[in-house]
Protein backbone atom coordinates (compact mmCIF):
# COMPACT_ATOMS: atom_id res chain seq x y z
CA MET A 1 255.34 79.52 138.89
CA ILE A 2 253.02 79.29 135.93
CA TYR A 3 254.02 77.26 132.93
CA THR A 4 252.22 77.27 129.59
CA VAL A 5 252.55 74.58 126.80
CA THR A 6 252.16 75.33 123.13
CA PHE A 7 252.66 72.10 121.16
CA ASN A 8 252.35 73.77 117.71
CA PRO A 9 253.40 77.40 117.91
CA SER A 10 253.48 79.69 114.96
CA LEU A 11 254.75 82.89 113.53
CA ASP A 12 251.44 84.77 112.85
CA TYR A 13 251.71 86.84 109.84
CA ILE A 14 248.81 89.26 110.22
CA ILE A 15 248.00 91.34 107.18
CA SER A 16 245.55 94.01 106.05
CA MET A 17 244.66 94.72 102.40
CA LYS A 18 242.13 96.52 100.41
CA ASP A 19 239.87 95.03 97.86
CA PHE A 20 241.22 91.54 98.02
CA GLN A 21 240.64 89.70 94.78
CA LEU A 22 241.02 85.99 94.01
CA GLY A 23 243.28 85.30 91.10
CA LYS A 24 244.94 88.60 91.14
CA THR A 25 248.02 90.07 92.70
CA ASN A 26 247.05 91.62 96.06
CA ARG A 27 249.31 94.00 98.18
CA THR A 28 249.18 94.48 101.85
CA CYS A 29 248.62 97.95 103.36
CA ALA A 30 249.72 96.76 106.91
CA GLU A 31 251.37 93.75 108.28
CA GLN A 32 252.66 92.31 111.53
CA MET A 33 254.79 89.22 112.37
CA LEU A 34 254.05 88.02 115.93
CA PRO A 35 254.62 84.90 117.99
CA GLY A 36 251.57 82.79 117.99
CA GLY A 37 249.83 79.90 119.61
CA LYS A 38 247.41 79.72 122.43
CA GLY A 39 249.88 79.07 125.22
CA ILE A 40 252.35 81.72 123.92
CA ASN A 41 249.36 84.18 123.99
CA VAL A 42 248.58 83.29 127.47
CA SER A 43 252.25 83.85 128.45
CA THR A 44 252.33 87.19 126.70
CA VAL A 45 249.38 88.58 128.55
CA LEU A 46 250.56 87.12 131.91
CA HIS A 47 253.83 88.89 131.34
CA ASN A 48 251.94 92.20 130.46
CA LEU A 49 250.32 91.78 133.85
CA ASP A 50 253.64 91.42 135.60
CA ILE A 51 252.89 87.72 136.39
CA GLU A 52 256.08 85.63 136.05
CA ASN A 53 255.72 82.55 133.82
CA THR A 54 257.64 80.25 131.50
CA ALA A 55 256.46 79.04 128.11
CA LEU A 56 257.17 75.48 127.04
CA GLY A 57 256.62 73.54 123.84
CA PHE A 58 258.46 72.73 120.56
CA THR A 59 260.12 74.90 117.87
CA ALA A 60 261.91 73.86 114.66
CA GLY A 61 263.87 75.38 111.91
CA PHE A 62 264.51 79.11 111.03
CA THR A 63 261.01 80.05 111.93
CA GLY A 64 261.28 78.34 115.30
CA LYS A 65 264.47 80.48 116.02
CA GLU A 66 262.60 83.56 115.01
CA LEU A 67 259.74 82.63 117.49
CA LEU A 68 262.32 82.31 120.29
CA ARG A 69 263.79 85.66 119.39
CA LYS A 70 260.42 87.36 119.35
CA MET A 71 259.52 85.79 122.70
CA LYS A 72 262.67 86.98 124.20
CA ASP A 73 261.98 90.56 122.81
CA ILE A 74 258.55 90.41 124.63
CA GLY A 75 260.36 89.63 127.91
CA PHE A 76 258.88 86.33 129.25
CA GLN A 77 260.85 83.25 129.99
CA SER A 78 260.81 80.31 127.63
CA ASP A 79 262.22 76.75 127.60
CA PHE A 80 261.17 75.38 124.27
CA ILE A 81 262.66 72.03 122.93
CA HIS A 82 264.20 72.81 119.40
CA LEU A 83 263.59 69.89 116.99
CA ASP A 84 266.18 68.78 114.56
CA HIS A 85 263.82 68.47 111.57
CA GLY A 86 260.98 70.67 110.04
CA CYS A 87 260.04 74.16 110.65
CA SER A 88 257.62 75.86 113.04
CA ARG A 89 254.54 76.92 111.07
CA ILE A 90 253.54 80.33 109.73
CA ASN A 91 250.03 81.18 109.91
CA ILE A 92 248.48 83.78 107.65
CA LYS A 93 245.58 85.88 109.14
CA LEU A 94 243.66 88.26 106.91
CA LYS A 95 242.73 90.89 109.43
CA ASP A 96 240.03 92.58 107.16
CA PHE A 97 238.07 89.39 106.16
CA ASP A 98 236.17 88.29 109.24
CA GLY A 99 238.92 86.26 110.87
CA THR A 100 239.98 84.39 107.67
CA GLU A 101 243.14 82.39 108.39
CA ILE A 102 245.52 79.96 106.55
CA ASN A 103 247.29 77.83 109.16
CA GLY A 104 250.37 75.79 108.51
CA GLN A 105 250.96 72.21 109.62
CA GLY A 106 254.05 72.47 111.80
CA PRO A 107 256.80 69.98 112.30
CA SER A 108 256.38 66.35 113.24
CA ILE A 109 257.01 65.59 116.95
CA ASN A 110 258.38 62.18 117.72
CA GLN A 111 258.19 60.29 121.04
CA GLU A 112 261.61 61.29 122.13
CA ALA A 113 260.73 64.89 121.88
CA ILE A 114 257.58 64.25 123.91
CA ARG A 115 259.51 62.42 126.62
CA LYS A 116 261.90 65.50 126.88
CA LEU A 117 258.83 67.74 127.44
CA ILE A 118 257.33 65.40 130.12
CA LYS A 119 260.78 65.34 131.85
CA LYS A 120 260.64 69.16 132.04
CA LEU A 121 257.13 69.05 133.40
CA GLU A 122 257.98 66.49 136.03
CA LYS A 123 259.99 69.22 137.74
CA LEU A 124 256.91 71.29 138.51
CA GLN A 125 256.29 71.88 142.17
CA PRO A 126 252.96 71.80 144.36
CA GLY A 127 251.18 74.94 143.77
CA ASP A 128 252.46 75.60 140.30
CA ILE A 129 250.01 76.29 137.53
CA LEU A 130 250.22 74.50 134.23
CA VAL A 131 248.27 75.79 131.29
CA LEU A 132 247.67 73.41 128.35
CA ALA A 133 246.23 75.27 125.44
CA GLY A 134 245.34 74.75 121.77
CA SER A 135 245.51 72.12 119.09
CA ILE A 136 248.23 69.49 118.60
CA PRO A 137 250.15 68.34 115.54
CA GLU A 138 248.78 65.32 113.68
CA SER A 139 252.07 63.41 114.57
CA MET A 140 251.09 63.62 118.42
CA PRO A 141 248.65 61.15 120.00
CA ASP A 142 245.32 62.71 120.78
CA SER A 143 245.74 61.46 124.37
CA ILE A 144 248.76 63.84 124.96
CA TYR A 145 246.91 66.19 127.30
CA ARG A 146 245.61 63.23 129.29
CA ASP A 147 249.00 61.45 129.38
CA ILE A 148 250.53 64.63 130.80
CA LEU A 149 247.99 64.94 133.56
CA SER A 150 248.20 61.36 134.30
CA THR A 151 251.86 61.66 134.88
CA LEU A 152 251.57 64.78 137.16
CA ASP A 153 248.50 63.51 138.94
CA GLY A 154 248.58 63.91 142.68
CA ARG A 155 251.44 66.39 142.79
CA GLY A 156 249.43 69.46 143.91
CA ILE A 157 249.62 71.16 140.49
CA LEU A 158 246.74 73.28 139.14
CA TYR A 159 245.84 72.50 135.58
CA VAL A 160 244.25 75.05 133.18
CA VAL A 161 243.13 73.37 129.95
CA ASP A 162 241.89 75.42 126.93
CA ALA A 163 241.11 72.80 124.22
CA THR A 164 238.28 71.27 122.20
CA LYS A 165 236.45 67.95 122.10
CA ASN A 166 238.47 64.86 123.24
CA LEU A 167 241.41 66.82 124.16
CA LEU A 168 239.27 68.47 126.78
CA LEU A 169 237.02 65.61 127.73
CA ASN A 170 239.93 63.19 128.27
CA VAL A 171 241.46 65.26 131.06
CA LEU A 172 238.32 65.85 133.21
CA GLU A 173 238.97 62.77 135.38
CA TYR A 174 242.07 64.59 136.63
CA HIS A 175 239.98 67.52 137.92
CA PRO A 176 241.48 70.53 136.03
CA PHE A 177 241.34 73.67 138.14
CA LEU A 178 239.94 75.57 135.18
CA ILE A 179 238.64 74.70 131.73
CA LYS A 180 237.57 77.30 129.12
CA PRO A 181 235.34 76.24 126.27
CA ASN A 182 233.51 78.89 124.38
CA ASN A 183 229.70 78.42 123.96
CA HIS A 184 229.96 76.79 120.50
CA GLU A 185 232.46 74.28 121.84
CA LEU A 186 230.36 73.47 124.82
CA GLY A 187 227.34 73.14 122.65
CA GLU A 188 229.22 70.61 120.36
CA ILE A 189 230.06 68.41 123.34
CA PHE A 190 226.36 68.09 124.12
CA HIS A 191 225.04 68.34 120.61
CA ILE A 192 223.05 71.57 121.31
CA THR A 193 223.17 75.19 120.45
CA LEU A 194 223.90 77.55 123.27
CA ALA A 195 223.34 81.23 122.59
CA THR A 196 222.60 82.93 125.88
CA ARG A 197 224.47 83.16 129.18
CA ASP A 198 221.71 81.29 131.09
CA GLU A 199 221.64 78.52 128.63
CA VAL A 200 225.31 77.61 129.17
CA VAL A 201 225.07 77.16 132.95
CA PRO A 202 223.48 73.74 133.13
CA TYR A 203 226.00 72.36 130.64
CA ALA A 204 228.94 73.84 132.32
CA ARG A 205 227.68 72.08 135.50
CA LYS A 206 227.62 68.82 133.52
CA LEU A 207 231.33 69.23 132.83
CA GLN A 208 231.89 69.84 136.58
CA GLU A 209 230.03 66.54 137.18
CA LYS A 210 232.64 64.86 134.88
CA GLY A 211 235.41 66.27 137.01
CA ALA A 212 236.26 69.93 136.09
CA ARG A 213 236.54 72.30 139.04
CA ASN A 214 235.75 75.63 137.44
CA VAL A 215 234.15 76.18 134.12
CA LEU A 216 234.78 79.48 132.26
CA VAL A 217 232.81 79.93 129.16
CA SER A 218 233.58 82.61 126.75
CA MET A 219 230.80 83.90 124.49
CA ALA A 220 232.37 86.72 122.33
CA GLY A 221 229.75 89.56 122.15
CA GLU A 222 227.60 87.85 124.82
CA GLY A 223 230.28 88.10 127.39
CA ALA A 224 231.16 85.17 129.53
CA VAL A 225 230.01 82.85 132.40
CA LEU A 226 232.01 81.29 135.30
CA VAL A 227 230.43 78.31 137.04
CA ALA A 228 232.87 78.00 140.07
CA GLU A 229 233.63 74.91 142.33
CA ASN A 230 232.18 76.77 145.34
CA GLY A 231 228.76 76.94 143.82
CA GLU A 232 229.03 80.55 142.52
CA VAL A 233 227.71 81.41 139.08
CA HIS A 234 229.25 84.74 137.65
CA MET A 235 227.81 86.16 134.42
CA GLN A 236 228.94 89.31 132.71
CA PRO A 237 227.87 90.87 129.31
CA ALA A 238 230.73 91.88 127.01
CA PRO A 239 232.01 95.38 127.75
CA LYS A 240 231.31 97.94 125.11
CA GLY A 241 234.05 98.66 122.59
CA THR A 242 235.08 98.37 119.02
CA LEU A 243 236.19 94.88 117.84
CA VAL A 244 239.70 95.39 116.29
CA ASN A 245 241.27 91.88 116.45
CA ALA A 246 239.57 88.85 117.87
CA VAL A 247 242.74 86.69 117.61
CA GLY A 248 243.92 85.89 121.07
CA ALA A 249 240.89 87.20 122.85
CA GLY A 250 239.97 83.81 124.42
CA ASP A 251 243.65 83.25 125.35
CA SER A 252 243.77 86.60 127.05
CA MET A 253 240.78 85.68 129.00
CA VAL A 254 242.56 82.54 130.33
CA ALA A 255 245.48 84.65 131.19
CA GLY A 256 243.38 87.38 133.03
CA PHE A 257 241.55 84.70 135.11
CA VAL A 258 244.80 82.99 136.03
CA ALA A 259 246.41 86.37 136.98
CA GLY A 260 243.38 87.40 139.03
CA TRP A 261 243.45 84.04 140.87
CA VAL A 262 247.13 84.38 141.64
CA GLN A 263 246.57 87.88 142.91
CA LYS A 264 243.66 87.29 145.31
CA GLN A 265 242.53 83.62 145.23
CA ASN A 266 238.97 85.02 144.62
CA TYR A 267 236.71 83.88 141.87
CA HIS A 268 234.85 87.15 141.54
CA HIS A 269 238.13 88.94 140.88
CA ALA A 270 239.62 86.23 138.56
CA PHE A 271 236.42 86.13 136.50
CA HIS A 272 236.33 89.92 136.02
CA MET A 273 240.06 90.04 135.30
CA GLY A 274 239.37 87.46 132.64
CA ILE A 275 236.48 89.32 131.11
CA SER A 276 238.64 92.57 131.13
CA ALA A 277 241.67 90.90 129.59
CA GLY A 278 239.78 89.18 126.92
CA SER A 279 237.86 92.34 125.93
CA ALA A 280 241.07 94.51 126.00
CA SER A 281 242.77 92.23 123.46
CA ALA A 282 239.66 92.30 121.24
CA PHE A 283 239.73 96.03 121.37
CA SER A 284 243.37 96.33 120.48
CA ASP A 285 245.76 95.57 117.54
CA LEU A 286 248.05 93.52 119.82
CA LEU A 287 247.32 91.45 122.82
CA ALA A 288 246.31 93.63 125.67
CA SER A 289 248.52 95.60 127.88
CA LYS A 290 248.27 95.89 131.54
CA GLU A 291 246.90 99.52 131.22
CA GLU A 292 244.24 98.44 128.64
CA ILE A 293 243.18 95.54 130.96
CA TYR A 294 242.69 97.65 134.05
CA LYS A 295 241.04 100.51 132.28
CA ILE A 296 238.20 98.11 131.39
CA TYR A 297 238.35 96.51 134.75
CA ASN A 298 237.89 99.78 136.57
CA THR A 299 235.15 101.21 134.35
CA ILE A 300 232.68 98.38 133.50
CA VAL A 301 229.79 97.70 135.79
CA PHE A 302 230.08 94.22 136.97
CA GLU A 303 226.85 92.17 137.46
């Protein structure tokens, strides 16, 4: 079974408008309300690919209840802990303004709630896959990813981590199966600018030296690079298409890679499923469907 964790999920209010003006009344011309958060996005795309999974995390208030309802409508399993205080956040995304967003804070998560989550995670079995993705609320310790992997260490669980800076670096000693920084995040770790696929390879290998098994680097229009634990290096330029919505493209890449690995335990296939899923979501109004993903997978020329 695959489990995803989203510590600070959101209702994503995605709006389009014409001629936005500061200090004026602006009206939308299109809008959507979707369940958001990196782990939830991963669960959605896995579900679209017919890969069974369960989403975990925290919800609160009326927005949390709406999050649960929307996840149920999509169809994947969820087992969120509902908090007694606060509200799950609403994130406003201005679709027509180069990814401009206004993100809420989310509820405070206390130690008792964290213990409840870890108790759920302790039920995972050898061979299960755990995806930890995204930021954490300010109320949580920045060691939370590391604390979870420390608790589960030695149980035969495959860890997938999509996070930034210390959240990512702190887990490398537990040998995560997959980490997915983008090229900018990878560059920030080593205080360097990485612009080409060739440039990211030696720095991905440095993260392997620190403990990561496989390093998948997303690079937006430049495509992606996988430095695999068996020594293989896979590179692929971005498939051609019209960018419609970049929100969730990186999460879709993680979902595609995990789905590909579950299907064939083959890095070549997993990498290209990741590329296809990430691109399909970027070319779509919503997170990619199975048909959209395989359309790209079956038509692009893989290097």
